[in-house]
Amino acid sequence: MSKAHRGKGIRDLVSKGRGECPVCHRENVKILYEQEAGEKKIKICKTCKAAIKHGKKAIAS
């Protein structure tokens, strides 16, 4: 059976969810994970989300 609906949620986003991560400044990566930075929420990449969770990175406010 085919997997026709895989990734359907990100197809509707601008540039299919890709852009520059505000933490690591890598370009053309998927920006899908929300993280609180002070009082507002920002979207970051998967590797930065994991690094922040494990205490290896911090978000500059």
N, C-alpha and C. Protein backbone atom coordinates (compact mmCIF):
# COMPACT_ATOMS: atom_id res chain seq x y z
N MET A 1 0.84 -1.18 0.00
CA MET A 1 0.00 0.00 0.00
C MET A 1 0.88 1.24 0.00
N SER A 2 0.41 2.25 -0.70
CA SER A 2 1.19 3.49 -0.79
C SER A 2 1.00 4.35 0.45
N LYS A 3 1.91 5.25 0.64
CA LYS A 3 1.87 6.17 1.78
C LYS A 3 1.59 7.57 1.24
N ALA A 4 0.41 7.78 0.68
CA ALA A 4 0.07 9.01 -0.01
C ALA A 4 -0.06 10.22 0.91
N HIS A 5 -0.38 10.00 2.17
CA HIS A 5 -0.63 11.13 3.06
C HIS A 5 0.56 11.45 3.96
N ARG A 6 1.68 10.85 3.74
CA ARG A 6 2.87 11.11 4.57
C ARG A 6 3.39 12.51 4.29
N GLY A 7 3.51 13.32 5.32
CA GLY A 7 4.00 14.68 5.16
C GLY A 7 2.94 15.65 4.70
N LYS A 8 1.68 15.26 4.77
CA LYS A 8 0.60 16.11 4.27
C LYS A 8 0.49 17.42 5.04
N GLY A 9 0.77 17.39 6.34
CA GLY A 9 0.64 18.59 7.17
C GLY A 9 1.63 19.68 6.84
N ILE A 10 2.82 19.32 6.37
CA ILE A 10 3.81 20.35 6.07
C ILE A 10 3.72 20.86 4.63
N ARG A 11 2.96 20.20 3.79
CA ARG A 11 2.80 20.68 2.42
C ARG A 11 2.05 22.00 2.36
N ASP A 12 1.21 22.24 3.36
CA ASP A 12 0.42 23.47 3.38
C ASP A 12 1.19 24.66 3.93
N LEU A 13 2.30 24.43 4.61
CA LEU A 13 3.08 25.51 5.20
C LEU A 13 3.87 26.26 4.14
N VAL A 14 4.29 27.47 4.48
CA VAL A 14 5.09 28.27 3.57
C VAL A 14 6.42 27.56 3.33
N SER A 15 6.82 27.43 2.09
CA SER A 15 8.06 26.74 1.68
C SER A 15 8.12 25.32 2.21
N LYS A 16 6.96 24.72 2.40
CA LYS A 16 6.84 23.34 2.91
C LYS A 16 7.55 23.16 4.25
N GLY A 17 7.50 24.20 5.10
CA GLY A 17 8.05 24.12 6.44
C GLY A 17 9.54 24.33 6.52
N ARG A 18 10.17 24.75 5.44
CA ARG A 18 11.62 24.93 5.43
C ARG A 18 11.99 26.40 5.56
N GLY A 19 13.16 26.62 6.15
CA GLY A 19 13.64 27.98 6.32
C GLY A 19 14.96 27.97 7.08
N GLU A 20 15.28 29.10 7.72
CA GLU A 20 16.51 29.21 8.50
C GLU A 20 16.19 29.09 9.97
N CYS A 21 16.91 28.23 10.66
CA CYS A 21 16.72 28.04 12.09
C CYS A 21 17.29 29.24 12.84
N PRO A 22 16.51 29.85 13.74
CA PRO A 22 17.01 31.02 14.45
C PRO A 22 18.07 30.70 15.51
N VAL A 23 18.26 29.43 15.85
CA VAL A 23 19.25 29.05 16.86
C VAL A 23 20.60 28.74 16.23
N CYS A 24 20.60 27.82 15.25
CA CYS A 24 21.87 27.40 14.64
C CYS A 24 22.15 28.10 13.31
N HIS A 25 21.17 28.83 12.78
CA HIS A 25 21.28 29.61 11.54
C HIS A 25 21.59 28.75 10.31
N ARG A 26 21.20 27.48 10.35
CA ARG A 26 21.32 26.65 9.15
C ARG A 26 20.15 27.00 8.23
N GLU A 27 20.40 26.94 6.94
CA GLU A 27 19.37 27.30 5.97
C GLU A 27 18.76 26.07 5.34
N ASN A 28 17.52 26.21 4.90
CA ASN A 28 16.77 25.19 4.17
C ASN A 28 16.59 23.90 4.97
N VAL A 29 16.35 24.03 6.27
CA VAL A 29 16.03 22.88 7.12
C VAL A 29 14.58 23.02 7.55
N LYS A 30 13.96 21.92 7.94
CA LYS A 30 12.57 21.95 8.38
C LYS A 30 12.47 22.64 9.74
N ILE A 31 11.65 23.67 9.80
CA ILE A 31 11.43 24.45 11.02
C ILE A 31 10.04 24.09 11.53
N LEU A 32 9.96 23.04 12.34
CA LEU A 32 8.66 22.50 12.72
C LEU A 32 8.41 22.45 14.22
N TYR A 33 9.43 22.64 15.04
CA TYR A 33 9.30 22.41 16.47
C TYR A 33 9.21 23.74 17.22
N GLU A 34 8.14 23.89 18.02
CA GLU A 34 7.94 25.12 18.77
C GLU A 34 8.71 25.06 20.08
N GLN A 35 9.34 26.18 20.44
CA GLN A 35 10.09 26.28 21.68
C GLN A 35 9.84 27.67 22.25
N GLU A 36 9.70 27.76 23.57
CA GLU A 36 9.48 29.05 24.20
C GLU A 36 10.80 29.78 24.36
N ALA A 37 10.82 31.03 23.93
CA ALA A 37 11.98 31.90 24.08
C ALA A 37 11.50 33.15 24.80
N GLY A 38 11.67 33.15 26.10
CA GLY A 38 11.12 34.25 26.89
C GLY A 38 9.62 34.07 27.00
N GLU A 39 8.88 35.04 26.51
CA GLU A 39 7.42 34.96 26.55
C GLU A 39 6.80 34.59 25.22
N LYS A 40 7.59 34.52 24.15
CA LYS A 40 7.03 34.16 22.85
C LYS A 40 7.55 32.80 22.41
N LYS A 41 6.85 32.21 21.45
CA LYS A 41 7.23 30.91 20.92
C LYS A 41 7.89 31.10 19.57
N ILE A 42 8.97 30.36 19.35
CA ILE A 42 9.64 30.37 18.06
C ILE A 42 9.68 28.95 17.54
N LYS A 43 9.85 28.81 16.24
CA LYS A 43 9.97 27.49 15.63
C LYS A 43 11.43 27.24 15.30
N ILE A 44 11.92 26.04 15.69
CA ILE A 44 13.31 25.68 15.50
C ILE A 44 13.41 24.32 14.82
N CYS A 45 14.63 23.94 14.44
CA CYS A 45 14.84 22.66 13.76
C CYS A 45 14.92 21.51 14.77
N LYS A 46 14.91 20.30 14.27
CA LYS A 46 14.88 19.10 15.10
C LYS A 46 16.15 18.94 15.94
N THR A 47 17.32 19.21 15.35
CA THR A 47 18.56 19.02 16.09
C THR A 47 18.71 20.03 17.22
N CYS A 48 18.26 21.27 17.00
CA CYS A 48 18.31 22.28 18.06
C CYS A 48 17.32 21.95 19.16
N LYS A 49 16.17 21.42 18.81
CA LYS A 49 15.17 21.02 19.81
C LYS A 49 15.76 19.96 20.74
N ALA A 50 16.46 18.98 20.17
CA ALA A 50 17.07 17.92 20.96
C ALA A 50 18.22 18.45 21.80
N ALA A 51 19.03 19.36 21.25
CA ALA A 51 20.16 19.91 21.98
C ALA A 51 19.70 20.76 23.15
N ILE A 52 18.62 21.51 22.98
CA ILE A 52 18.08 22.32 24.07
C ILE A 52 17.51 21.42 25.16
N LYS A 53 16.85 20.35 24.76
CA LYS A 53 16.27 19.41 25.71
C LYS A 53 17.34 18.77 26.59
N HIS A 54 18.50 18.46 26.00
CA HIS A 54 19.57 17.79 26.73
C HIS A 54 20.55 18.77 27.37
N GLY A 55 20.30 20.07 27.25
CA GLY A 55 21.13 21.07 27.90
C GLY A 55 22.42 21.42 27.18
N LYS A 56 22.54 21.07 25.91
CA LYS A 56 23.76 21.35 25.18
C LYS A 56 23.73 22.71 24.49
N LYS A 57 22.53 23.26 24.29
CA LYS A 57 22.37 24.57 23.69
C LYS A 57 21.39 25.38 24.50
N ALA A 58 21.46 26.69 24.35
CA ALA A 58 20.50 27.57 24.99
C ALA A 58 20.04 28.59 23.96
N ILE A 59 18.81 29.05 24.12
CA ILE A 59 18.26 30.04 23.20
C ILE A 59 18.66 31.42 23.69
N ALA A 60 19.28 32.19 22.79
CA ALA A 60 19.64 33.57 23.12
C ALA A 60 18.39 34.43 22.99
N SER A 61 18.01 35.10 24.05
CA SER A 61 16.78 35.90 24.02
C SER A 61 16.96 37.20 23.30
